[in-house]
Amino acid sequence: MQQQPWLAAAIVSAGLVGAAVILGHAVLDFRAMERVVQVKGLSEREVAADTVIWPVKFSDADNDLSKLVASIERKNEQVQAFLKLQGFSQNEISVAPPQIVDRQAGYYDPNTRQMRYSATSTVTVYSSNVDLAHQAMTRLLELSKSGIAIAGQDYDSKAEFIFNGLNEIKPDMIEEATRNAREVASKFATDSDSQLGKIKTASQGQFSISDRDSNTPYIKKVRVVATVDYYLSD
């Protein structure tokens, strides 16, 4: 009877040792499964813009407000006529209300030689015919010969080129980015004497659309990066 406690203790100890060995192997196996490499795959495309928003902005000034308004209306008609002559339809052309400033409404310097009233007007082209807009921009100087002072490439008078066909190229770009990621992972596995396993996790980055460069804003660069985690094994 006195030996039974020792026997029970020995059995318990043996069980604990066995459980520890089993648990140790399980931890090692789990850690082996968790050998992971994270890689990134890139896909880039150059595409042509399919929409243009082109504001044609000009300024005018006069000491007589009614004359200034009449001049702005006349020049708006001239700009619209020019754009139609280039091939744009009336549906692609819109005219914003002019912005008129009275310089005597605030601080007034009697020594200034500026006109009392100044105005800016904007005629905007919204079209899917990007090539036509690009050609018309090269002929814009013709309006200056008619006495219309066209604004330069300011932030609010600069043409905006847009690409709306992202959904059409998304699947192919995601496939390409994922394929590139696998190629990188395969190279890493080979260099480390490992075998490339299944995908653990994968995430698609956001698509970005930017101008190819400042001189060709009508050509866009589309970019996406895929991040993939692969299991590795010996």
Protein backbone atom coordinates (compact mmCIF):
# COMPACT_ATOMS: atom_id res chain seq x y z
CA MET A 1 0.00 0.00 0.00
CA GLN A 2 2.84 2.34 0.78
CA GLN A 3 4.28 1.77 -2.72
CA GLN A 4 1.08 2.77 -4.54
CA PRO A 5 1.62 6.56 -4.25
CA TRP A 6 5.08 6.10 -5.80
CA LEU A 7 3.62 4.01 -8.59
CA ALA A 8 0.91 6.57 -9.30
CA ALA A 9 3.47 9.34 -9.35
CA ALA A 10 5.65 7.41 -11.78
CA ILE A 11 2.71 6.83 -14.10
CA VAL A 12 1.78 10.52 -14.02
CA SER A 13 5.38 11.55 -14.67
CA ALA A 14 5.63 9.20 -17.63
CA GLY A 15 2.41 10.58 -19.02
CA LEU A 16 3.64 14.14 -18.70
CA VAL A 17 6.90 13.27 -20.44
CA GLY A 18 5.02 11.56 -23.25
CA ALA A 19 2.66 14.51 -23.63
CA ALA A 20 5.59 16.91 -23.70
CA VAL A 21 7.27 14.89 -26.46
CA ILE A 22 4.08 14.77 -28.50
CA LEU A 23 3.46 18.48 -27.95
CA GLY A 24 7.07 19.24 -28.90
CA HIS A 25 6.69 17.43 -32.21
CA ALA A 26 3.41 19.22 -32.84
CA VAL A 27 5.04 22.60 -32.24
CA LEU A 28 7.90 21.68 -34.57
CA ASP A 29 5.48 20.57 -37.26
CA PHE A 30 3.42 23.73 -36.83
CA ARG A 31 6.48 25.90 -37.09
CA ALA A 32 7.62 24.03 -40.18
CA MET A 33 4.27 24.73 -41.80
CA GLU A 34 4.63 28.41 -40.93
CA ARG A 35 7.73 28.93 -43.06
CA VAL A 36 6.44 31.72 -45.27
CA VAL A 37 7.86 34.07 -47.85
CA GLN A 38 6.11 37.31 -48.77
CA VAL A 39 6.55 38.63 -52.30
CA LYS A 40 5.13 41.44 -54.40
CA GLY A 41 4.18 41.33 -58.05
CA LEU A 42 3.86 44.41 -60.24
CA SER A 43 1.76 45.03 -63.32
CA GLU A 44 1.94 48.24 -65.36
CA ARG A 45 0.20 49.37 -68.52
CA GLU A 46 0.30 52.48 -70.67
CA VAL A 47 -3.13 53.45 -71.99
CA ALA A 48 -4.60 56.37 -73.88
CA ALA A 49 -7.03 58.69 -72.11
CA ASP A 50 -10.60 58.29 -73.31
CA THR A 51 -12.13 61.51 -71.97
CA VAL A 52 -11.01 65.14 -71.96
CA ILE A 53 -12.25 68.09 -69.92
CA TRP A 54 -10.85 71.18 -71.57
CA PRO A 55 -11.65 74.63 -70.14
CA VAL A 56 -11.02 77.50 -72.54
CA LYS A 57 -10.68 80.50 -70.25
CA PHE A 58 -10.25 84.15 -71.25
CA SER A 59 -10.29 87.55 -69.60
CA ASP A 60 -11.61 91.01 -70.48
CA ALA A 61 -11.89 94.43 -68.85
CA ASP A 62 -13.72 97.72 -69.29
CA ASN A 63 -14.78 100.80 -67.38
CA ASP A 64 -18.36 100.33 -68.56
CA LEU A 65 -20.06 97.27 -67.08
CA SER A 66 -22.68 96.90 -69.81
CA LYS A 67 -20.01 97.06 -72.51
CA LEU A 68 -17.96 94.47 -70.66
CA VAL A 69 -20.91 92.06 -70.42
CA ALA A 70 -21.66 92.51 -74.12
CA SER A 71 -18.01 91.86 -74.96
CA ILE A 72 -17.94 88.70 -72.87
CA GLU A 73 -21.10 87.37 -74.56
CA ARG A 74 -19.68 88.09 -77.99
CA LYS A 75 -16.39 86.39 -77.22
CA ASN A 76 -18.19 83.37 -75.74
CA GLU A 77 -19.94 82.98 -79.06
CA GLN A 78 -16.65 83.28 -80.92
CA VAL A 79 -15.05 80.59 -78.75
CA GLN A 80 -18.00 78.26 -79.29
CA ALA A 81 -17.87 78.87 -83.02
CA PHE A 82 -14.16 78.05 -83.02
CA LEU A 83 -14.75 74.80 -81.14
CA LYS A 84 -17.55 73.74 -83.47
CA LEU A 85 -15.31 74.49 -86.41
CA GLN A 86 -12.79 72.07 -84.93
CA GLY A 87 -15.43 69.34 -84.92
CA PHE A 88 -17.06 69.46 -81.48
CA SER A 89 -20.84 69.34 -81.15
CA GLN A 90 -22.91 71.75 -79.07
CA ASN A 91 -23.62 68.93 -76.60
CA GLU A 92 -19.90 68.75 -75.85
CA ILE A 93 -19.64 72.50 -75.13
CA SER A 94 -20.82 74.34 -72.01
CA VAL A 95 -20.49 77.99 -70.94
CA ALA A 96 -20.10 78.96 -67.30
CA PRO A 97 -21.41 82.30 -65.91
CA PRO A 98 -18.65 84.93 -66.12
CA GLN A 99 -16.85 86.12 -63.01
CA ILE A 100 -16.89 89.92 -62.84
CA VAL A 101 -14.87 91.99 -60.38
CA ASP A 102 -15.45 95.64 -59.54
CA ARG A 103 -12.09 97.02 -58.47
CA GLN A 104 -13.73 100.02 -56.80
CA ALA A 105 -15.84 97.81 -54.56
CA GLY A 106 -12.89 97.38 -52.22
CA TYR A 107 -9.69 99.35 -51.78
CA TYR A 108 -9.35 101.76 -54.69
CA ASP A 109 -6.14 103.42 -55.79
CA PRO A 110 -7.03 106.53 -57.85
CA ASN A 111 -3.58 106.49 -59.41
CA THR A 112 -4.04 103.07 -60.99
CA ARG A 113 -4.58 102.88 -64.73
CA GLN A 114 -6.51 99.60 -64.59
CA MET A 115 -10.03 99.30 -65.88
CA ARG A 116 -12.71 99.43 -63.20
CA TYR A 117 -14.33 96.11 -64.17
CA SER A 118 -12.56 92.87 -65.05
CA ALA A 119 -14.14 89.58 -66.04
CA THR A 120 -13.15 86.01 -66.77
CA SER A 121 -15.26 83.54 -68.72
CA THR A 122 -14.83 79.80 -69.26
CA VAL A 123 -16.11 77.69 -72.13
CA THR A 124 -15.59 74.00 -71.36
CA VAL A 125 -15.32 71.03 -73.71
CA TYR A 126 -16.28 67.64 -72.26
CA SER A 127 -15.65 65.02 -74.91
CA SER A 128 -14.55 61.45 -75.55
CA ASN A 129 -12.73 62.58 -78.68
CA VAL A 130 -9.33 63.13 -77.10
CA ASP A 131 -7.42 63.28 -80.39
CA LEU A 132 -9.71 66.00 -81.69
CA ALA A 133 -9.19 68.06 -78.53
CA HIS A 134 -5.45 67.65 -78.75
CA GLN A 135 -5.46 68.92 -82.34
CA ALA A 136 -7.74 71.85 -81.46
CA MET A 137 -5.40 72.93 -78.66
CA THR A 138 -2.63 73.49 -81.17
CA ARG A 139 -4.87 75.92 -83.07
CA LEU A 140 -6.01 77.90 -80.03
CA LEU A 141 -3.77 80.80 -80.97
CA GLU A 142 -6.25 81.66 -83.72
CA LEU A 143 -8.60 83.02 -81.05
CA SER A 144 -5.95 85.49 -79.91
CA LYS A 145 -5.97 86.99 -83.39
CA SER A 146 -9.62 87.89 -82.75
CA GLY A 147 -8.75 89.85 -79.62
CA ILE A 148 -9.53 87.06 -77.13
CA ALA A 149 -6.90 86.80 -74.40
CA ILE A 150 -6.80 83.06 -73.69
CA ALA A 151 -5.48 82.14 -70.24
CA GLY A 152 -2.34 80.04 -69.96
CA GLN A 153 -1.89 76.62 -68.40
CA ASP A 154 -3.00 77.61 -64.91
CA TYR A 155 -4.36 74.96 -62.57
CA ASP A 156 -7.96 76.00 -63.29
CA SER A 157 -7.53 76.34 -67.06
CA LYS A 158 -5.50 73.24 -67.76
CA ALA A 159 -7.06 70.39 -69.73
CA GLU A 160 -7.75 67.23 -67.76
CA PHE A 161 -7.40 63.85 -69.43
CA ILE A 162 -9.21 60.87 -67.91
CA PHE A 163 -9.08 57.10 -68.45
CA ASN A 164 -12.38 55.34 -67.70
CA GLY A 165 -11.60 51.85 -68.98
CA LEU A 166 -10.00 50.46 -65.82
CA ASN A 167 -12.58 47.70 -65.31
CA GLU A 168 -11.77 46.27 -68.73
CA ILE A 169 -8.07 45.76 -68.01
CA LYS A 170 -8.30 44.93 -64.28
CA PRO A 171 -8.55 41.11 -64.59
CA ASP A 172 -5.54 40.80 -66.90
CA MET A 173 -3.44 43.12 -64.75
CA ILE A 174 -4.28 41.27 -61.53
CA GLU A 175 -3.38 37.97 -63.22
CA GLU A 176 -0.09 39.43 -64.43
CA ALA A 177 0.79 40.85 -61.00
CA THR A 178 0.02 37.51 -59.31
CA ARG A 179 2.08 35.61 -61.90
CA ASN A 180 5.02 37.96 -61.37
CA ALA A 181 4.74 37.47 -57.62
CA ARG A 182 4.89 33.68 -58.04
CA GLU A 183 7.99 33.97 -60.25
CA VAL A 184 9.74 35.96 -57.53
CA ALA A 185 8.67 33.45 -54.86
CA SER A 186 9.85 30.51 -56.99
CA LYS A 187 13.25 32.14 -57.42
CA PHE A 188 13.50 32.72 -53.67
CA ALA A 189 12.54 29.10 -52.94
CA THR A 190 15.15 27.79 -55.37
CA ASP A 191 17.88 30.01 -53.94
CA SER A 192 17.05 28.87 -50.38
CA ASP A 193 16.84 25.13 -51.29
CA SER A 194 13.14 25.07 -50.47
CA GLN A 195 9.96 24.01 -52.18
CA LEU A 196 7.29 26.58 -52.93
CA GLY A 197 3.97 25.64 -51.37
CA LYS A 198 0.45 26.94 -51.52
CA ILE A 199 -0.65 30.53 -51.03
CA LYS A 200 -1.23 31.47 -47.41
CA THR A 201 -2.63 34.94 -47.98
CA ALA A 202 -2.91 37.31 -50.91
CA SER A 203 -3.93 40.92 -51.18
CA GLN A 204 -4.44 43.19 -54.15
CA GLY A 205 -3.16 46.73 -53.86
CA GLN A 206 -5.07 49.73 -55.13
CA PHE A 207 -4.90 50.59 -58.80
CA SER A 208 -3.22 53.92 -59.52
CA ILE A 209 -3.62 55.98 -62.69
CA SER A 210 -1.14 58.78 -63.40
CA ASP A 211 0.20 60.77 -66.32
CA ARG A 212 3.07 59.09 -68.11
CA ASP A 213 4.87 62.44 -67.92
CA SER A 214 4.06 66.14 -67.79
CA ASN A 215 4.33 66.55 -71.57
CA THR A 216 1.87 63.78 -72.48
CA PRO A 217 -0.98 63.91 -69.95
CA TYR A 218 -3.24 62.16 -72.47
CA ILE A 219 -1.18 58.96 -72.05
CA LYS A 220 -1.78 57.30 -68.67
CA LYS A 221 0.21 54.80 -66.66
CA VAL A 222 -1.92 52.24 -64.80
CA ARG A 223 -0.21 50.37 -61.95
CA VAL A 224 -1.13 47.70 -59.40
CA VAL A 225 0.91 45.66 -56.90
CA ALA A 226 -0.19 42.26 -55.59
CA THR A 227 1.20 41.01 -52.24
CA VAL A 228 1.25 37.22 -51.79
CA ASP A 229 2.43 35.02 -48.89
CA TYR A 230 3.58 31.51 -49.92
CA TYR A 231 4.36 28.53 -47.69
CA LEU A 232 7.85 27.07 -47.98
CA SER A 233 8.91 23.49 -47.28
CA ASP A 234 12.14 21.47 -47.44
